[in-house]
PDB file of N, CA and C in Angstrom:
ATOM      1  N   UNK A   1       0.825  -1.206   0.000  1.00  0.00           N
ATOM      2  CA  UNK A   1       0.000   0.000   0.000  1.00  0.00           C
ATOM      3  C   UNK A   1       0.862   1.259   0.000  1.00  0.00           C
ATOM      4  N   UNK A   2       1.853   1.298   0.912  1.00  0.00           N
ATOM      5  CA  UNK A   2       2.736   2.444   0.995  1.00  0.00           C
ATOM      6  C   UNK A   2       3.488   2.644  -0.319  1.00  0.00           C
ATOM      7  N   UNK A   3       3.918   1.535  -0.923  1.00  0.00           N
ATOM      8  CA  UNK A   3       4.650   1.569  -2.181  1.00  0.00           C
ATOM      9  C   UNK A   3       3.774   2.141  -3.298  1.00  0.00           C
ATOM     10  N   UNK A   4       2.497   1.773  -3.341  1.00  0.00           N
ATOM     11  CA  UNK A   4       1.566   2.276  -4.364  1.00  0.00           C
ATOM     12  C   UNK A   4       1.343   3.773  -4.226  1.00  0.00           C
ATOM     13  N   UNK A   5       1.233   4.257  -3.010  1.00  0.00           N
ATOM     14  CA  UNK A   5       1.030   5.688  -2.778  1.00  0.00           C
ATOM     15  C   UNK A   5       2.269   6.470  -3.217  1.00  0.00           C
ATOM     16  N   UNK A   6       3.444   5.938  -2.928  1.00  0.00           N
ATOM     17  CA  UNK A   6       4.689   6.598  -3.340  1.00  0.00           C
ATOM     18  C   UNK A   6       4.768   6.681  -4.858  1.00  0.00           C
ATOM     19  N   UNK A   7       4.450   5.608  -5.545  1.00  0.00           N
ATOM     20  CA  UNK A   7       4.461   5.605  -7.015  1.00  0.00           C
ATOM     21  C   UNK A   7       3.452   6.619  -7.543  1.00  0.00           C
ATOM     22  N   UNK A   8       2.272   6.661  -6.983  1.00  0.00           N
ATOM     23  CA  UNK A   8       1.231   7.587  -7.421  1.00  0.00           C
ATOM     24  C   UNK A   8       1.674   9.040  -7.216  1.00  0.00           C
ATOM     25  N   UNK A   9       2.258   9.353  -6.058  1.00  0.00           N
ATOM     26  CA  UNK A   9       2.735  10.712  -5.801  1.00  0.00           C
ATOM     27  C   UNK A   9       3.848  11.111  -6.774  1.00  0.00           C
ATOM     28  N   UNK A  10       4.775  10.203  -7.046  1.00  0.00           N
ATOM     29  CA  UNK A  10       5.839  10.488  -8.013  1.00  0.00           C
ATOM     30  C   UNK A  10       5.271  10.730  -9.403  1.00  0.00           C
ATOM     31  N   UNK A  11       4.280   9.970  -9.791  1.00  0.00           N
ATOM     32  CA  UNK A  11       3.638  10.150 -11.092  1.00  0.00           C
ATOM     33  C   UNK A  11       2.945  11.505 -11.174  1.00  0.00           C
ATOM     34  N   UNK A  12       2.247  11.891 -10.136  1.00  0.00           N
ATOM     35  CA  UNK A  12       1.562  13.190 -10.107  1.00  0.00           C
ATOM     36  C   UNK A  12       2.569  14.328 -10.179  1.00  0.00           C
ATOM     37  N   UNK A  13       3.650  14.244  -9.405  1.00  0.00           N
ATOM     38  CA  UNK A  13       4.671  15.292  -9.425  1.00  0.00           C
ATOM     39  C   UNK A  13       5.358  15.375 -10.783  1.00  0.00           C
ATOM     40  N   UNK A  14       5.607  14.240 -11.417  1.00  0.00           N
ATOM     41  CA  UNK A  14       6.212  14.233 -12.757  1.00  0.00           C
ATOM     42  C   UNK A  14       5.286  14.883 -13.764  1.00  0.00           C
ATOM     43  N   UNK A  15       4.002  14.579 -13.691  1.00  0.00           N
ATOM     44  CA  UNK A  15       3.025  15.173 -14.602  1.00  0.00           C
ATOM     45  C   UNK A  15       2.936  16.672 -14.379  1.00  0.00           C
ATOM     46  N   UNK A  16       2.963  17.123 -13.136  1.00  0.00           N
ATOM     47  CA  UNK A  16       2.914  18.565 -12.840  1.00  0.00           C
ATOM     48  C   UNK A  16       4.130  19.271 -13.434  1.00  0.00           C
ATOM     49  N   UNK A  17       5.302  18.654 -13.365  1.00  0.00           N
ATOM     50  CA  UNK A  17       6.506  19.262 -13.936  1.00  0.00           C
ATOM     51  C   UNK A  17       6.395  19.378 -15.440  1.00  0.00           C
ATOM     52  N   UNK A  18       5.838  18.362 -16.110  1.00  0.00           N
ATOM     53  CA  UNK A  18       5.655  18.404 -17.564  1.00  0.00           C
ATOM     54  C   UNK A  18       4.667  19.499 -17.929  1.00  0.00           C
ATOM     55  N   UNK A  19       3.563  19.620 -17.195  1.00  0.00           N
ATOM     56  CA  UNK A  19       2.570  20.651 -17.488  1.00  0.00           C
ATOM     57  C   UNK A  19       3.160  22.041 -17.308  1.00  0.00           C
ATOM     58  N   UNK A  20       3.949  22.258 -16.244  1.00  0.00           N
ATOM     59  CA  UNK A  20       4.579  23.555 -16.041  1.00  0.00           C
ATOM     60  C   UNK A  20       5.537  23.875 -17.178  1.00  0.00           C
ATOM     61  N   UNK A  21       6.322  22.880 -17.617  1.00  0.00           N
ATOM     62  CA  UNK A  21       7.263  23.099 -18.712  1.00  0.00           C
ATOM     63  C   UNK A  21       6.519  23.504 -19.973  1.00  0.00           C
ATOM     64  N   UNK A  22       5.384  22.874 -20.252  1.00  0.00           N
ATOM     65  CA  UNK A  22       4.601  23.233 -21.432  1.00  0.00           C
ATOM     66  C   UNK A  22       4.036  24.642 -21.300  1.00  0.00           C
ATOM     67  N   UNK A  23       3.690  25.070 -20.094  1.00  0.00           N
ATOM     68  CA  UNK A  23       3.165  26.416 -19.891  1.00  0.00           C
ATOM     69  C   UNK A  23       4.249  27.471 -20.105  1.00  0.00           C
ATOM     70  N   UNK A  24       5.502  27.105 -19.928  1.00  0.00           N
ATOM     71  CA  UNK A  24       6.615  28.035 -20.124  1.00  0.00           C
ATOM     72  C   UNK A  24       6.867  28.273 -21.609  1.00  0.00           C
ATOM     73  N   UNK A  25       6.543  27.308 -22.434  1.00  0.00           N
ATOM     74  CA  UNK A  25       6.780  27.439 -23.875  1.00  0.00           C
ATOM     75  C   UNK A  25       5.993  28.602 -24.460  1.00  0.00           C
ATOM     76  N   UNK A  26       6.611  29.269 -25.429  1.00  0.00           N
ATOM     77  CA  UNK A  26       5.927  30.335 -26.139  1.00  0.00           C
ATOM     78  C   UNK A  26       6.749  31.604 -26.174  1.00  0.00           C
ATOM     79  N   UNK A  27       6.102  32.657 -26.617  1.00  0.00           N
ATOM     80  CA  UNK A  27       6.766  33.948 -26.744  1.00  0.00           C
ATOM     81  C   UNK A  27       6.408  34.835 -25.560  1.00  0.00           C
ATOM     82  N   UNK A  28       7.421  35.414 -24.949  1.00  0.00           N
ATOM     83  CA  UNK A  28       7.291  36.287 -23.794  1.00  0.00           C
ATOM     84  C   UNK A  28       7.991  37.599 -24.122  1.00  0.00           C
ATOM     85  N   UNK A  29       7.530  38.697 -23.563  1.00  0.00           N
ATOM     86  CA  UNK A  29       8.178  39.969 -23.887  1.00  0.00           C
ATOM     87  C   UNK A  29       8.184  40.925 -22.698  1.00  0.00           C
ATOM     88  N   UNK A  30       9.070  41.894 -22.809  1.00  0.00           N
ATOM     89  CA  UNK A  30       9.174  42.975 -21.845  1.00  0.00           C
ATOM     90  C   UNK A  30       9.770  44.178 -22.568  1.00  0.00           C
ATOM     91  N   UNK A  31       9.753  45.313 -21.927  1.00  0.00           N
ATOM     92  CA  UNK A  31      10.405  46.504 -22.463  1.00  0.00           C
ATOM     93  C   UNK A  31      11.523  46.902 -21.512  1.00  0.00           C
ATOM     94  N   UNK A  32      12.637  47.305 -22.076  1.00  0.00           N
ATOM     95  CA  UNK A  32      13.739  47.816 -21.282  1.00  0.00           C
ATOM     96  C   UNK A  32      14.082  49.194 -21.792  1.00  0.00           C
ATOM     97  N   UNK A  33      14.543  50.021 -20.898  1.00  0.00           N
ATOM     98  CA  UNK A  33      14.895  51.391 -21.259  1.00  0.00           C
ATOM     99  C   UNK A  33      16.409  51.516 -21.338  1.00  0.00           C
ATOM    100  N   UNK A  34      16.879  52.019 -22.469  1.00  0.00           N
ATOM    101  CA  UNK A  34      18.307  52.182 -22.700  1.00  0.00           C
ATOM    102  C   UNK A  34      18.580  53.646 -23.034  1.00  0.00           C
ATOM    103  N   UNK A  35      19.828  53.952 -23.284  1.00  0.00           N
ATOM    104  CA  UNK A  35      20.185  55.308 -23.711  1.00  0.00           C
ATOM    105  C   UNK A  35      19.502  55.667 -25.033  1.00  0.00           C
ATOM    106  N   UNK A  36      19.174  54.641 -25.831  1.00  0.00           N
ATOM    107  CA  UNK A  36      18.508  54.856 -27.123  1.00  0.00           C
ATOM    108  C   UNK A  36      16.993  54.961 -27.000  1.00  0.00           C
ATOM    109  N   UNK A  37      16.462  54.708 -25.809  1.00  0.00           N
ATOM    110  CA  UNK A  37      15.022  54.765 -25.594  1.00  0.00           C
ATOM    111  C   UNK A  37      14.451  53.416 -25.205  1.00  0.00           C
ATOM    112  N   UNK A  38      13.158  53.269 -25.390  1.00  0.00           N
ATOM    113  CA  UNK A  38      12.420  52.061 -25.007  1.00  0.00           C
ATOM    114  C   UNK A  38      12.636  50.969 -26.054  1.00  0.00           C
ATOM    115  N   UNK A  39      13.052  49.779 -25.601  1.00  0.00           N
ATOM    116  CA  UNK A  39      13.362  48.669 -26.496  1.00  0.00           C
ATOM    117  C   UNK A  39      12.561  47.444 -26.063  1.00  0.00           C
ATOM    118  N   UNK A  40      11.888  46.793 -27.020  1.00  0.00           N
ATOM    119  CA  UNK A  40      11.178  45.551 -26.719  1.00  0.00           C
ATOM    120  C   UNK A  40      12.161  44.388 -26.773  1.00  0.00           C
ATOM    121  N   UNK A  41      12.075  43.509 -25.783  1.00  0.00           N
ATOM    122  CA  UNK A  41      12.897  42.307 -25.727  1.00  0.00           C
ATOM    123  C   UNK A  41      11.944  41.114 -25.757  1.00  0.00           C
ATOM    124  N   UNK A  42      12.162  40.205 -26.706  1.00  0.00           N
ATOM    125  CA  UNK A  42      11.274  39.059 -26.887  1.00  0.00           C
ATOM    126  C   UNK A  42      12.037  37.776 -26.579  1.00  0.00           C
ATOM    127  N   UNK A  43      11.461  36.962 -25.716  1.00  0.00           N
ATOM    128  CA  UNK A  43      12.006  35.664 -25.356  1.00  0.00           C
ATOM    129  C   UNK A  43      11.129  34.602 -26.003  1.00  0.00           C
ATOM    130  N   UNK A  44      11.703  33.789 -26.877  1.00  0.00           N
ATOM    131  CA  UNK A  44      10.994  32.689 -27.523  1.00  0.00           C
ATOM    132  C   UNK A  44      11.494  31.401 -26.877  1.00  0.00           C
ATOM    133  N   UNK A  45      10.672  30.802 -26.024  1.00  0.00           N
ATOM    134  CA  UNK A  45      11.088  29.666 -25.207  1.00  0.00           C
ATOM    135  C   UNK A  45      10.430  28.379 -25.660  1.00  0.00           C
ATOM    136  N   UNK A  46      11.232  27.312 -25.699  1.00  0.00           N
ATOM    137  CA  UNK A  46      10.744  25.971 -26.028  1.00  0.00           C
ATOM    138  C   UNK A  46      11.378  24.996 -25.042  1.00  0.00           C
ATOM    139  N   UNK A  47      10.671  23.917 -24.773  1.00  0.00           N
ATOM    140  CA  UNK A  47      11.213  22.895 -23.893  1.00  0.00           C
ATOM    141  C   UNK A  47      11.426  21.602 -24.669  1.00  0.00           C
ATOM    142  N   UNK A  48      12.486  20.915 -24.316  1.00  0.00           N
ATOM    143  CA  UNK A  48      12.791  19.584 -24.829  1.00  0.00           C
ATOM    144  C   UNK A  48      13.108  18.735 -23.614  1.00  0.00           C
ATOM    145  N   UNK A  49      12.057  18.126 -23.049  1.00  0.00           N
ATOM    146  CA  UNK A  49      12.233  17.439 -21.770  1.00  0.00           C
ATOM    147  C   UNK A  49      12.480  18.475 -20.698  1.00  0.00           C
ATOM    148  N   UNK A  50      13.613  18.338 -19.974  1.00  0.00           N
ATOM    149  CA  UNK A  50      13.937  19.344 -18.965  1.00  0.00           C
ATOM    150  C   UNK A  50      14.951  20.372 -19.478  1.00  0.00           C
ATOM    151  N   UNK A  51      15.182  20.368 -20.790  1.00  0.00           N
ATOM    152  CA  UNK A  51      16.052  21.376 -21.405  1.00  0.00           C
ATOM    153  C   UNK A  51      15.218  22.539 -21.930  1.00  0.00           C
ATOM    154  N   UNK A  52      15.721  23.736 -21.741  1.00  0.00           N
ATOM    155  CA  UNK A  52      15.087  24.942 -22.266  1.00  0.00           C
ATOM    156  C   UNK A  52      15.933  25.434 -23.433  1.00  0.00           C
ATOM    157  N   UNK A  53      15.294  25.654 -24.579  1.00  0.00           N
ATOM    158  CA  UNK A  53      15.978  26.152 -25.766  1.00  0.00           C
ATOM    159  C   UNK A  53      15.197  27.339 -26.301  1.00  0.00           C
ATOM    160  N   UNK A  54      15.787  28.044 -27.251  1.00  0.00           N
ATOM    161  CA  UNK A  54      15.092  29.163 -27.866  1.00  0.00           C
ATOM    162  C   UNK A  54      16.041  30.311 -28.111  1.00  0.00           C
ATOM    163  N   UNK A  55      15.470  31.517 -28.108  1.00  0.00           N
ATOM    164  CA  UNK A  55      16.273  32.699 -28.407  1.00  0.00           C
ATOM    165  C   UNK A  55      15.695  33.921 -27.719  1.00  0.00           C
ATOM    166  N   UNK A  56      16.539  34.934 -27.597  1.00  0.00           N
ATOM    167  CA  UNK A  56      16.146  36.240 -27.087  1.00  0.00           C
ATOM    168  C   UNK A  56      16.433  37.222 -28.209  1.00  0.00           C
ATOM    169  N   UNK A  57      15.446  38.045 -28.550  1.00  0.00           N
ATOM    170  CA  UNK A  57      15.603  38.986 -29.658  1.00  0.00           C
ATOM    171  C   UNK A  57      15.354  40.404 -29.168  1.00  0.00           C
ATOM    172  N   UNK A  58      16.246  41.303 -29.565  1.00  0.00           N
ATOM    173  CA  UNK A  58      16.072  42.723 -29.308  1.00  0.00           C
ATOM    174  C   UNK A  58      16.714  43.503 -30.445  1.00  0.00           C
ATOM    175  N   UNK A  59      16.051  44.528 -30.901  1.00  0.00           N
ATOM    176  CA  UNK A  59      16.562  45.331 -32.019  1.00  0.00           C
ATOM    177  C   UNK A  59      17.004  44.461 -33.196  1.00  0.00           C
ATOM    178  N   UNK A  60      16.225  43.433 -33.483  1.00  0.00           N
ATOM    179  CA  UNK A  60      16.461  42.505 -34.590  1.00  0.00           C
ATOM    180  C   UNK A  60      17.756  41.706 -34.450  1.00  0.00           C
ATOM    181  N   UNK A  61      18.336  41.668 -33.270  1.00  0.00           N
ATOM    182  CA  UNK A  61      19.516  40.845 -33.000  1.00  0.00           C
ATOM    183  C   UNK A  61      19.066  39.671 -32.144  1.00  0.00           C
ATOM    184  N   UNK A  62      19.455  38.453 -32.547  1.00  0.00           N
ATOM    185  CA  UNK A  62      19.063  37.250 -31.824  1.00  0.00           C
ATOM    186  C   UNK A  62      20.220  36.708 -31.003  1.00  0.00           C
ATOM    187  N   UNK A  63      19.894  36.265 -29.804  1.00  0.00           N
ATOM    188  CA  UNK A  63      20.852  35.630 -28.914  1.00  0.00           C
ATOM    189  C   UNK A  63      20.317  34.246 -28.576  1.00  0.00           C
ATOM    190  N   UNK A  64      21.101  33.225 -28.834  1.00  0.00           N
ATOM    191  CA  UNK A  64      20.688  31.851 -28.588  1.00  0.00           C
ATOM    192  C   UNK A  64      20.725  31.540 -27.091  1.00  0.00           C
ATOM    193  N   UNK A  65      19.690  30.864 -26.617  1.00  0.00           N
ATOM    194  CA  UNK A  65      19.659  30.402 -25.230  1.00  0.00           C
ATOM    195  C   UNK A  65      20.618  29.227 -25.100  1.00  0.00           C
ATOM    196  N   UNK A  66      21.494  29.304 -24.107  1.00  0.00           N
ATOM    197  CA  UNK A  66      22.481  28.258 -23.858  1.00  0.00           C
ATOM    198  C   UNK A  66      22.290  27.686 -22.455  1.00  0.00           C
ATOM    199  N   UNK A  67      22.623  26.420 -22.301  1.00  0.00           N
ATOM    200  CA  UNK A  67      22.574  25.753 -20.991  1.00  0.00           C
ATOM    201  C   UNK A  67      21.225  25.943 -20.310  1.00  0.00           C
ATOM    202  N   UNK A  68      20.142  25.884 -21.092  1.00  0.00           N
ATOM    203  CA  UNK A  68      18.807  26.079 -20.545  1.00  0.00           C
ATOM    204  C   UNK A  68      18.286  24.866 -19.816  1.00  0.00           C
ATOM    205  N   UNK A  69      17.567  25.112 -18.741  1.00  0.00           N
ATOM    206  CA  UNK A  69      17.039  24.032 -17.910  1.00  0.00           C
ATOM    207  C   UNK A  69      15.679  24.428 -17.353  1.00  0.00           C
ATOM    208  N   UNK A  70      14.772  23.455 -17.325  1.00  0.00           N
ATOM    209  CA  UNK A  70      13.440  23.646 -16.738  1.00  0.00           C
ATOM    210  C   UNK A  70      13.279  22.641 -15.609  1.00  0.00           C
ATOM    211  N   UNK A  71      12.777  23.104 -14.472  1.00  0.00           N
ATOM    212  CA  UNK A  71      12.471  22.227 -13.353  1.00  0.00           C
ATOM    213  C   UNK A  71      11.158  22.705 -12.756  1.00  0.00           C
ATOM    214  N   UNK A  72      10.063  22.045 -13.133  1.00  0.00           N
ATOM    215  CA  UNK A  72       8.742  22.481 -12.671  1.00  0.00           C
ATOM    216  C   UNK A  72       8.422  23.838 -13.236  1.00  0.00           C
ATOM    217  N   UNK A  73       8.262  24.825 -12.371  1.00  0.00           N
ATOM    218  CA  UNK A  73       7.937  26.173 -12.846  1.00  0.00           C
ATOM    219  C   UNK A  73       9.126  27.129 -12.735  1.00  0.00           C
ATOM    220  N   UNK A  74      10.343  26.580 -12.648  1.00  0.00           N
ATOM    221  CA  UNK A  74      11.533  27.425 -12.639  1.00  0.00           C
ATOM    222  C   UNK A  74      12.386  27.136 -13.871  1.00  0.00           C
ATOM    223  N   UNK A  75      13.089  28.162 -14.340  1.00  0.00           N
ATOM    224  CA  UNK A  75      13.957  28.018 -15.496  1.00  0.00           C
ATOM    225  C   UNK A  75      15.307  28.661 -15.186  1.00  0.00           C
ATOM    226  N   UNK A  76      16.318  28.247 -15.938  1.00  0.00           N
ATOM    227  CA  UNK A  76      17.616  28.908 -15.883  1.00  0.00           C
ATOM    228  C   UNK A  76      18.281  28.743 -17.242  1.00  0.00           C
ATOM    229  N   UNK A  77      19.039  29.762 -17.647  1.00  0.00           N
ATOM    230  CA  UNK A  77      19.767  29.714 -18.909  1.00  0.00           C
ATOM    231  C   UNK A  77      20.715  30.898 -18.971  1.00  0.00           C
ATOM    232  N   UNK A  78      21.539  30.905 -20.006  1.00  0.00           N
ATOM    233  CA  UNK A  78      22.385  32.068 -20.229  1.00  0.00           C
ATOM    234  C   UNK A  78      22.318  32.456 -21.695  1.00  0.00           C
ATOM    235  N   UNK A  79      22.599  33.709 -21.966  1.00  0.00           N
ATOM    236  CA  UNK A  79      22.822  34.185 -23.326  1.00  0.00           C
ATOM    237  C   UNK A  79      24.178  34.888 -23.303  1.00  0.00           C
ATOM    238  N   UNK A  80      24.816  34.938 -24.462  1.00  0.00           N
ATOM    239  CA  UNK A  80      26.094  35.619 -24.567  1.00  0.00           C
ATOM    240  C   UNK A  80      25.904  36.859 -25.421  1.00  0.00           C
ATOM    241  N   UNK A  81      26.204  38.006 -24.828  1.00  0.00           N
ATOM    242  CA  UNK A  81      26.061  39.311 -25.462  1.00  0.00           C
ATOM    243  C   UNK A  81      27.474  39.846 -25.687  1.00  0.00           C
ATOM    244  N   UNK A  82      27.975  39.694 -26.919  1.00  0.00           N
ATOM    245  CA  UNK A  82      29.377  40.020 -27.173  1.00  0.00           C
ATOM    246  C   UNK A  82      30.243  39.042 -26.412  1.00  0.00           C
ATOM    247  N   UNK A  83      31.061  39.544 -25.493  1.00  0.00           N
ATOM    248  CA  UNK A  83      31.859  38.650 -24.654  1.00  0.00           C
ATOM    249  C   UNK A  83      31.334  38.587 -23.218  1.00  0.00           C
ATOM    250  N   UNK A  84      30.086  39.016 -23.033  1.00  0.00           N
ATOM    251  CA  UNK A  84      29.466  39.031 -21.705  1.00  0.00           C
ATOM    252  C   UNK A  84      28.433  37.909 -21.606  1.00  0.00           C
ATOM    253  N   UNK A  85      28.584  37.045 -20.611  1.00  0.00           N
ATOM    254  CA  UNK A  85      27.583  36.016 -20.325  1.00  0.00           C
ATOM    255  C   UNK A  85      26.542  36.606 -19.381  1.00  0.00           C
ATOM    256  N   UNK A  86      25.277  36.500 -19.780  1.00  0.00           N
ATOM    257  CA  UNK A  86      24.173  36.995 -18.958  1.00  0.00           C
ATOM    258  C   UNK A  86      23.377  35.780 -18.485  1.00  0.00           C
ATOM    259  N   UNK A  87      23.409  35.521 -17.186  1.00  0.00           N
ATOM    260  CA  UNK A  87      22.741  34.368 -16.595  1.00  0.00           C
ATOM    261  C   UNK A  87      21.337  34.757 -16.142  1.00  0.00           C
ATOM    262  N   UNK A  88      20.373  33.931 -16.522  1.00  0.00           N
ATOM    263  CA  UNK A  88      18.968  34.174 -16.193  1.00  0.00           C
ATOM    264  C   UNK A  88      18.439  33.057 -15.299  1.00  0.00           C
ATOM    265  N   UNK A  89      17.644  33.416 -14.327  1.00  0.00           N
ATOM    266  CA  UNK A  89      16.822  32.458 -13.590  1.00  0.00           C
ATOM    267  C   UNK A  89      15.411  33.026 -13.589  1.00  0.00           C
ATOM    268  N   UNK A  90      14.442  32.155 -13.632  1.00  0.00           N
ATOM    269  CA  UNK A  90      13.072  32.632 -13.695  1.00  0.00           C
ATOM    270  C   UNK A  90      12.106  31.706 -12.998  1.00  0.00           C
ATOM    271  N   UNK A  91      10.943  32.257 -12.721  1.00  0.00           N
ATOM    272  CA  UNK A  91       9.894  31.540 -12.005  1.00  0.00           C
ATOM    273  C   UNK A  91       8.560  31.866 -12.662  1.00  0.00           C
ATOM    274  N   UNK A  92       7.844  30.833 -13.094  1.00  0.00           N
ATOM    275  CA  UNK A  92       6.532  31.012 -13.700  1.00  0.00           C
ATOM    276  C   UNK A  92       5.495  31.253 -12.613  1.00  0.00           C
ATOM    277  N   UNK A  93       4.823  32.383 -12.699  1.00  0.00           N
ATOM    278  CA  UNK A  93       3.772  32.733 -11.752  1.00  0.00           C
ATOM    279  C   UNK A  93       2.557  33.158 -12.557  1.00  0.00           C
ATOM    280  N   UNK A  94       1.585  32.269 -12.636  1.00  0.00           N
ATOM    281  CA  UNK A  94       0.394  32.458 -13.459  1.00  0.00           C
ATOM    282  C   UNK A  94       0.795  32.678 -14.909  1.00  0.00           C
ATOM    283  N   UNK A  95       0.545  33.847 -15.462  1.00  0.00           N
ATOM    284  CA  UNK A  95       0.862  34.098 -16.860  1.00  0.00           C
ATOM    285  C   UNK A  95       2.011  35.089 -17.001  1.00  0.00           C
ATOM    286  N   UNK A  96       2.923  35.057 -16.016  1.00  0.00           N
ATOM    287  CA  UNK A  96       4.102  35.910 -16.061  1.00  0.00           C
ATOM    288  C   UNK A  96       5.329  35.092 -15.672  1.00  0.00           C
ATOM    289  N   UNK A  97       6.467  35.481 -16.221  1.00  0.00           N
ATOM    290  CA  UNK A  97       7.742  34.904 -15.819  1.00  0.00           C
ATOM    291  C   UNK A  97       8.519  35.986 -15.076  1.00  0.00           C
ATOM    292  N   UNK A  98       8.861  35.716 -13.837  1.00  0.00           N
ATOM    293  CA  UNK A  98       9.649  36.644 -13.034  1.00  0.00           C
ATOM    294  C   UNK A  98      11.114  36.277 -13.248  1.00  0.00           C
ATOM    295  N   UNK A  99      11.889  37.191 -13.816  1.00  0.00           N
ATOM    296  CA  UNK A  99      13.260  36.902 -14.235  1.00  0.00           C
ATOM    297  C   UNK A  99      14.262  37.714 -13.418  1.00  0.00           C
ATOM    298  N   UNK A 100      15.350  37.056 -13.037  1.00  0.00           N
ATOM    299  CA  UNK A 100      16.504  37.725 -12.433  1.00  0.00           C
ATOM    300  C   UNK A 100      17.710  37.419 -13.306  1.00  0.00           C
ATOM    301  N   UNK A 101      18.540  38.433 -13.547  1.00  0.00           N
ATOM    302  CA  UNK A 101      19.749  38.220 -14.335  1.00  0.00           C
ATOM    303  C   UNK A 101      20.969  38.653 -13.528  1.00  0.00           C
ATOM    304  N   UNK A 102      22.096  38.078 -13.903  1.00  0.00           N
ATOM    305  CA  UNK A 102      23.364  38.513 -13.330  1.00  0.00           C
ATOM    306  C   UNK A 102      24.420  38.473 -14.424  1.00  0.00           C
ATOM    307  N   UNK A 103      25.269  39.484 -14.407  1.00  0.00           N
ATOM    308  CA  UNK A 103      26.318  39.607 -15.416  1.00  0.00           C
ATOM    309  C   UNK A 103      27.372  40.575 -14.904  1.00  0.00           C
ATOM    310  N   UNK A 104      28.599  40.189 -14.992  1.00  0.00           N
ATOM    311  CA  UNK A 104      29.742  41.013 -14.590  1.00  0.00           C
ATOM    312  C   UNK A 104      29.541  41.732 -13.257  1.00  0.00           C
ATOM    313  N   UNK A 105      29.037  41.017 -12.265  1.00  0.00           N
ATOM    314  CA  UNK A 105      28.842  41.605 -10.947  1.00  0.00           C
ATOM    315  C   UNK A 105      27.577  42.423 -10.791  1.00  0.00           C
ATOM    316  N   UNK A 106      26.798  42.559 -11.846  1.00  0.00           N
ATOM    317  CA  UNK A 106      25.536  43.313 -11.791  1.00  0.00           C
ATOM    318  C   UNK A 106      24.358  42.357 -11.736  1.00  0.00           C
ATOM    319  N   UNK A 107      23.244  42.839 -11.208  1.00  0.00           N
ATOM    320  CA  UNK A 107      22.003  42.061 -11.202  1.00  0.00           C
ATOM    321  C   UNK A 107      20.855  42.946 -11.670  1.00  0.00           C
ATOM    322  N   UNK A 108      19.833  42.304 -12.196  1.00  0.00           N
ATOM    323  CA  UNK A 108      18.623  43.012 -12.602  1.00  0.00           C
ATOM    324  C   UNK A 108      17.454  42.045 -12.495  1.00  0.00           C
ATOM    325  N   UNK A 109      16.276  42.576 -12.278  1.00  0.00           N
ATOM    326  CA  UNK A 109      15.053  41.783 -12.220  1.00  0.00           C
ATOM    327  C   UNK A 109      13.989  42.457 -13.058  1.00  0.00           C
ATOM    328  N   UNK A 110      13.149  41.644 -13.711  1.00  0.00           N
ATOM    329  CA  UNK A 110      12.064  42.168 -14.513  1.00  0.00           C
ATOM    330  C   UNK A 110      11.027  41.074 -14.711  1.00  0.00           C
ATOM    331  N   UNK A 111       9.897  41.463 -15.248  1.00  0.00           N
ATOM    332  CA  UNK A 111       8.783  40.550 -15.497  1.00  0.00           C
ATOM    333  C   UNK A 111       8.556  40.402 -16.983  1.00  0.00           C
ATOM    334  N   UNK A 112       8.421  39.156 -17.435  1.00  0.00           N
ATOM    335  CA  UNK A 112       8.050  38.873 -18.811  1.00  0.00           C
ATOM    336  C   UNK A 112       6.573  38.547 -18.848  1.00  0.00           C
ATOM    337  N   UNK A 113       5.882  39.103 -19.832  1.00  0.00           N
ATOM    338  CA  UNK A 113       4.463  38.801 -20.030  1.00  0.00           C
ATOM    339  C   UNK A 113       4.319  37.961 -21.279  1.00  0.00           C
ATOM    340  N   UNK A 114       3.371  37.037 -21.223  1.00  0.00           N
ATOM    341  CA  UNK A 114       3.115  36.209 -22.411  1.00  0.00           C
ATOM    342  C   UNK A 114       2.674  37.105 -23.551  1.00  0.00           C
ATOM    343  N   UNK A 115       3.297  36.910 -24.693  1.00  0.00           N
ATOM    344  CA  UNK A 115       2.985  37.716 -25.866  1.00  0.00           C
ATOM    345  C   UNK A 115       1.606  37.333 -26.405  1.00  0.00           C
ATOM    346  N   UNK A 116       0.880  38.326 -26.847  1.00  0.00           N
ATOM    347  CA  UNK A 116      -0.459  38.084 -27.396  1.00  0.00           C
ATOM    348  C   UNK A 116      -0.473  38.194 -28.910  1.00  0.00           C
ATOM    349  N   UNK A 117       0.694  38.265 -29.522  1.00  0.00           N
ATOM    350  CA  UNK A 117       0.798  38.413 -30.985  1.00  0.00           C
ATOM    351  C   UNK A 117       0.364  37.165 -31.686  1.00  0.00           C
TER     352      UNK A 117
END
């Protein structure tokens, strides 16, 4: 009996992780303010099992997602901007992704909204 309950709980938790990963897939966007003005940043996210792949696009420049990982409703990955590695961690909360980045001793946080395009 105990063994059956453990198997059932593991199955439910595995299914929840798959559903969360599927909810992360898609196009997400935010706006950032630079010296040049307001810039839209688009995150195109896809999952392959527990791997996160895709790209980040801004000003028509694409950055490939590297070392991406999905675990339930959390994600992590990096993009390389010139010679700067920008590390991202995120948390899916309803229909938003809460993102924290770190790069060269700096940190930033922002919210991605699911794109309606």
